[in-house]
Amino acid sequence: MQLERPPTLCATTNDNTRHDLLCEINPAALNACLERTKRLQQEDAELRKRDALLLEQFVRWAYNAASRGLTVEFLNRALPPTNRTGNATSGRRFQ
């Protein structure tokens, strides 16, 4: 009993010569790949747009900071610690 080659093999041997053949393509797998490619291209375009907007915002902030005399050292200062307990002397949060 001789087993047949699976249809997904892309090469076969005839007379000691290798012939490349087109693989049988599963339409469902092809559609899944095309959808994934389309989704990834859309995601890439969205990320590139977001990156450009963030860069534009950074340039605007840098210009505004420099025009007001803020130094790089001042801008790079650490944030103050977070007060998670609130104001211990007063029960009111807003005055």
N, C-alpha and C. Protein backbone atom coordinates (compact mmCIF):
# COMPACT_ATOMS: atom_id res chain seq x y z
N MET A 1 0.85 -1.18 0.00
CA MET A 1 0.00 0.00 0.00
C MET A 1 0.89 1.23 0.00
N GLN A 2 0.67 2.12 -0.94
CA GLN A 2 1.49 3.32 -1.06
C GLN A 2 0.66 4.52 -0.59
N LEU A 3 1.28 5.33 0.28
CA LEU A 3 0.59 6.52 0.79
C LEU A 3 0.76 7.67 -0.20
N GLU A 4 -0.27 8.45 -0.33
CA GLU A 4 -0.19 9.61 -1.21
C GLU A 4 0.47 10.76 -0.46
N ARG A 5 1.12 11.64 -1.22
CA ARG A 5 1.70 12.83 -0.61
C ARG A 5 0.58 13.77 -0.19
N PRO A 6 0.78 14.41 0.92
CA PRO A 6 -0.22 15.41 1.33
C PRO A 6 -0.25 16.55 0.30
N PRO A 7 -1.39 17.14 0.06
CA PRO A 7 -1.48 18.20 -0.94
C PRO A 7 -0.76 19.48 -0.56
N THR A 8 -0.29 19.59 0.70
CA THR A 8 0.37 20.82 1.12
C THR A 8 1.86 20.82 0.79
N LEU A 9 2.40 19.71 0.31
CA LEU A 9 3.82 19.69 -0.05
C LEU A 9 4.04 20.55 -1.28
N CYS A 10 5.12 21.32 -1.28
CA CYS A 10 5.36 22.27 -2.36
C CYS A 10 6.37 21.76 -3.37
N ALA A 11 6.99 20.65 -3.13
CA ALA A 11 8.00 20.15 -4.07
C ALA A 11 7.80 18.66 -4.26
N THR A 12 8.16 18.21 -5.44
CA THR A 12 8.09 16.78 -5.73
C THR A 12 9.31 16.41 -6.55
N THR A 13 9.64 15.15 -6.59
CA THR A 13 10.83 14.70 -7.32
C THR A 13 10.40 13.82 -8.48
N ASN A 14 10.83 14.17 -9.68
CA ASN A 14 10.60 13.38 -10.88
C ASN A 14 11.93 13.23 -11.59
N ASP A 15 12.33 12.01 -11.87
CA ASP A 15 13.58 11.74 -12.60
C ASP A 15 14.77 12.45 -11.96
N ASN A 16 14.87 12.37 -10.64
CA ASN A 16 15.97 12.98 -9.89
C ASN A 16 16.07 14.49 -10.10
N THR A 17 15.03 15.12 -10.54
CA THR A 17 15.00 16.57 -10.72
C THR A 17 13.92 17.14 -9.82
N ARG A 18 14.25 18.19 -9.15
CA ARG A 18 13.28 18.79 -8.24
C ARG A 18 12.45 19.82 -9.02
N HIS A 19 11.16 19.69 -8.94
CA HIS A 19 10.23 20.62 -9.58
C HIS A 19 9.39 21.27 -8.48
N ASP A 20 9.44 22.57 -8.43
CA ASP A 20 8.60 23.27 -7.45
C ASP A 20 7.21 23.45 -8.03
N LEU A 21 6.24 23.06 -7.28
CA LEU A 21 4.85 23.19 -7.68
C LEU A 21 4.15 24.14 -6.74
N LEU A 22 3.09 24.71 -7.21
CA LEU A 22 2.29 25.56 -6.35
C LEU A 22 1.59 24.70 -5.31
N CYS A 23 1.59 25.18 -4.10
CA CYS A 23 0.89 24.47 -3.03
C CYS A 23 -0.61 24.68 -3.21
N GLU A 24 -1.35 23.71 -2.78
CA GLU A 24 -2.78 23.93 -2.71
C GLU A 24 -3.04 24.88 -1.56
N ILE A 25 -3.83 25.89 -1.82
CA ILE A 25 -4.06 26.93 -0.83
C ILE A 25 -5.44 26.72 -0.22
N ASN A 26 -5.45 26.70 1.09
CA ASN A 26 -6.70 26.58 1.84
C ASN A 26 -7.35 27.97 1.85
N PRO A 27 -8.53 28.13 1.24
CA PRO A 27 -9.16 29.46 1.17
C PRO A 27 -9.42 30.08 2.54
N ALA A 28 -9.78 29.27 3.51
CA ALA A 28 -10.04 29.81 4.85
C ALA A 28 -8.75 30.36 5.47
N ALA A 29 -7.66 29.63 5.30
CA ALA A 29 -6.38 30.09 5.84
C ALA A 29 -5.91 31.34 5.11
N LEU A 30 -6.11 31.38 3.80
CA LEU A 30 -5.72 32.56 3.03
C LEU A 30 -6.53 33.77 3.47
N ASN A 31 -7.84 33.60 3.64
CA ASN A 31 -8.68 34.71 4.10
C ASN A 31 -8.27 35.17 5.48
N ALA A 32 -7.92 34.24 6.36
CA ALA A 32 -7.48 34.60 7.70
C ALA A 32 -6.19 35.41 7.64
N CYS A 33 -5.27 35.00 6.78
CA CYS A 33 -4.00 35.73 6.62
C CYS A 33 -4.24 37.12 6.05
N LEU A 34 -5.13 37.22 5.08
CA LEU A 34 -5.43 38.53 4.49
C LEU A 34 -6.09 39.46 5.50
N GLU A 35 -7.01 38.94 6.30
CA GLU A 35 -7.66 39.75 7.33
C GLU A 35 -6.65 40.21 8.37
N ARG A 36 -5.76 39.30 8.77
CA ARG A 36 -4.74 39.66 9.77
C ARG A 36 -3.81 40.73 9.21
N THR A 37 -3.41 40.57 7.95
CA THR A 37 -2.54 41.56 7.32
C THR A 37 -3.23 42.92 7.26
N LYS A 38 -4.50 42.92 6.88
CA LYS A 38 -5.26 44.17 6.80
C LYS A 38 -5.35 44.83 8.17
N ARG A 39 -5.65 44.02 9.21
CA ARG A 39 -5.76 44.55 10.57
C ARG A 39 -4.43 45.12 11.05
N LEU A 40 -3.34 44.41 10.77
CA LEU A 40 -2.03 44.88 11.20
C LEU A 40 -1.62 46.15 10.46
N GLN A 41 -1.98 46.27 9.19
CA GLN A 41 -1.69 47.48 8.44
C GLN A 41 -2.47 48.67 9.00
N GLN A 42 -3.73 48.45 9.37
CA GLN A 42 -4.53 49.51 9.98
C GLN A 42 -3.94 49.92 11.33
N GLU A 43 -3.54 48.93 12.11
CA GLU A 43 -2.95 49.22 13.42
C GLU A 43 -1.65 49.99 13.25
N ASP A 44 -0.84 49.61 12.28
CA ASP A 44 0.42 50.30 12.01
C ASP A 44 0.15 51.76 11.63
N ALA A 45 -0.83 51.99 10.76
CA ALA A 45 -1.16 53.36 10.34
C ALA A 45 -1.64 54.19 11.54
N GLU A 46 -2.46 53.59 12.40
CA GLU A 46 -2.95 54.30 13.58
C GLU A 46 -1.80 54.64 14.53
N LEU A 47 -0.88 53.70 14.73
CA LEU A 47 0.26 53.95 15.62
C LEU A 47 1.19 55.02 15.06
N ARG A 48 1.39 55.01 13.74
CA ARG A 48 2.22 56.05 13.12
C ARG A 48 1.58 57.43 13.28
N LYS A 49 0.26 57.50 13.11
CA LYS A 49 -0.44 58.77 13.27
C LYS A 49 -0.35 59.24 14.72
N ARG A 50 -0.55 58.32 15.67
CA ARG A 50 -0.47 58.66 17.09
C ARG A 50 0.94 59.14 17.45
N ASP A 51 1.95 58.46 16.91
CA ASP A 51 3.34 58.84 17.16
C ASP A 51 3.60 60.26 16.65
N ALA A 52 3.10 60.57 15.45
CA ALA A 52 3.30 61.91 14.89
C ALA A 52 2.61 62.97 15.75
N LEU A 53 1.40 62.67 16.24
CA LEU A 53 0.69 63.62 17.09
C LEU A 53 1.41 63.83 18.42
N LEU A 54 1.95 62.76 19.00
CA LEU A 54 2.69 62.90 20.25
C LEU A 54 3.97 63.70 20.06
N LEU A 55 4.65 63.49 18.93
CA LEU A 55 5.86 64.26 18.64
C LEU A 55 5.51 65.73 18.48
N GLU A 56 4.41 66.02 17.78
CA GLU A 56 3.97 67.40 17.61
C GLU A 56 3.65 68.04 18.96
N GLN A 57 2.98 67.29 19.84
CA GLN A 57 2.66 67.79 21.17
C GLN A 57 3.94 68.06 21.97
N PHE A 58 4.91 67.16 21.89
CA PHE A 58 6.16 67.36 22.61
C PHE A 58 6.87 68.62 22.13
N VAL A 59 6.92 68.84 20.82
CA VAL A 59 7.58 70.04 20.29
C VAL A 59 6.86 71.29 20.80
N ARG A 60 5.53 71.26 20.83
CA ARG A 60 4.76 72.40 21.33
C ARG A 60 5.08 72.65 22.80
N TRP A 61 5.11 71.58 23.61
CA TRP A 61 5.42 71.74 25.02
C TRP A 61 6.85 72.25 25.22
N ALA A 62 7.80 71.73 24.45
CA ALA A 62 9.19 72.17 24.58
C ALA A 62 9.31 73.65 24.24
N TYR A 63 8.63 74.08 23.18
CA TYR A 63 8.66 75.50 22.80
C TYR A 63 8.06 76.36 23.91
N ASN A 64 6.89 75.97 24.40
CA ASN A 64 6.23 76.76 25.44
C ASN A 64 7.06 76.79 26.72
N ALA A 65 7.69 75.69 27.08
CA ALA A 65 8.53 75.66 28.27
C ALA A 65 9.74 76.57 28.10
N ALA A 66 10.38 76.52 26.94
CA ALA A 66 11.56 77.35 26.70
C ALA A 66 11.18 78.82 26.64
N SER A 67 10.03 79.15 26.08
CA SER A 67 9.62 80.56 25.97
C SER A 67 9.27 81.15 27.33
N ARG A 68 9.00 80.32 28.31
CA ARG A 68 8.71 80.80 29.66
C ARG A 68 9.92 80.68 30.59
N GLY A 69 11.05 80.35 30.03
CA GLY A 69 12.28 80.31 30.80
C GLY A 69 12.47 79.06 31.63
N LEU A 70 11.71 78.02 31.37
CA LEU A 70 11.88 76.77 32.12
C LEU A 70 13.10 76.03 31.57
N THR A 71 13.95 75.58 32.48
CA THR A 71 15.16 74.88 32.06
C THR A 71 14.90 73.38 31.95
N VAL A 72 15.81 72.70 31.28
CA VAL A 72 15.72 71.24 31.16
C VAL A 72 15.83 70.61 32.54
N GLU A 73 16.69 71.17 33.39
CA GLU A 73 16.84 70.63 34.75
C GLU A 73 15.53 70.73 35.52
N PHE A 74 14.85 71.87 35.38
CA PHE A 74 13.56 72.03 36.07
C PHE A 74 12.53 71.04 35.53
N LEU A 75 12.49 70.88 34.22
CA LEU A 75 11.52 69.98 33.61
C LEU A 75 11.79 68.51 33.95
N ASN A 76 13.05 68.17 34.23
CA ASN A 76 13.41 66.78 34.53
C ASN A 76 13.36 66.46 36.02
N ARG A 77 12.90 67.40 36.85
CA ARG A 77 12.80 67.11 38.28
C ARG A 77 11.82 65.98 38.53
N ALA A 78 12.08 65.22 39.59
CA ALA A 78 11.19 64.11 39.95
C ALA A 78 9.84 64.66 40.42
N LEU A 79 8.82 63.86 40.23
CA LEU A 79 7.49 64.24 40.71
C LEU A 79 7.46 64.16 42.23
N PRO A 80 6.65 65.00 42.87
CA PRO A 80 6.55 64.89 44.33
C PRO A 80 5.85 63.58 44.70
N PRO A 81 6.10 63.08 45.92
CA PRO A 81 5.44 61.83 46.32
C PRO A 81 3.92 62.02 46.38
N THR A 82 3.22 60.94 46.13
CA THR A 82 1.76 60.98 46.16
C THR A 82 1.26 60.91 47.59
N ASN A 83 0.33 61.80 47.92
CA ASN A 83 -0.28 61.80 49.25
C ASN A 83 -1.54 60.96 49.18
N ARG A 84 -1.45 59.72 49.58
CA ARG A 84 -2.59 58.81 49.47
C ARG A 84 -3.49 58.85 50.72
N THR A 85 -3.04 59.50 51.78
CA THR A 85 -3.84 59.53 53.00
C THR A 85 -4.74 60.76 53.04
N GLY A 86 -4.52 61.71 52.20
CA GLY A 86 -5.32 62.93 52.21
C GLY A 86 -4.81 63.87 53.28
N ASN A 87 -5.55 64.91 53.53
CA ASN A 87 -5.18 65.89 54.53
C ASN A 87 -5.63 65.39 55.90
N ALA A 88 -4.68 65.08 56.77
CA ALA A 88 -4.99 64.48 58.06
C ALA A 88 -5.61 65.49 59.03
N THR A 89 -5.39 66.80 58.84
CA THR A 89 -5.89 67.80 59.79
C THR A 89 -7.31 68.24 59.48
N SER A 90 -7.76 68.04 58.28
CA SER A 90 -9.10 68.49 57.91
C SER A 90 -9.84 67.37 57.20
N GLY A 91 -11.13 67.25 57.49
CA GLY A 91 -11.93 66.24 56.83
C GLY A 91 -12.37 66.66 55.43
N ARG A 92 -12.22 67.95 55.13
CA ARG A 92 -12.63 68.46 53.83
C ARG A 92 -11.51 68.27 52.82
N ARG A 93 -11.86 67.87 51.62
CA ARG A 93 -10.86 67.67 50.57
C ARG A 93 -10.65 68.95 49.77
N PHE A 94 -11.71 69.75 49.60
CA PHE A 94 -11.61 70.96 48.78
C PHE A 94 -11.92 72.17 49.64
N GLN A 95 -11.22 73.23 49.39
CA GLN A 95 -11.46 74.47 50.16
C GLN A 95 -11.86 75.58 49.24
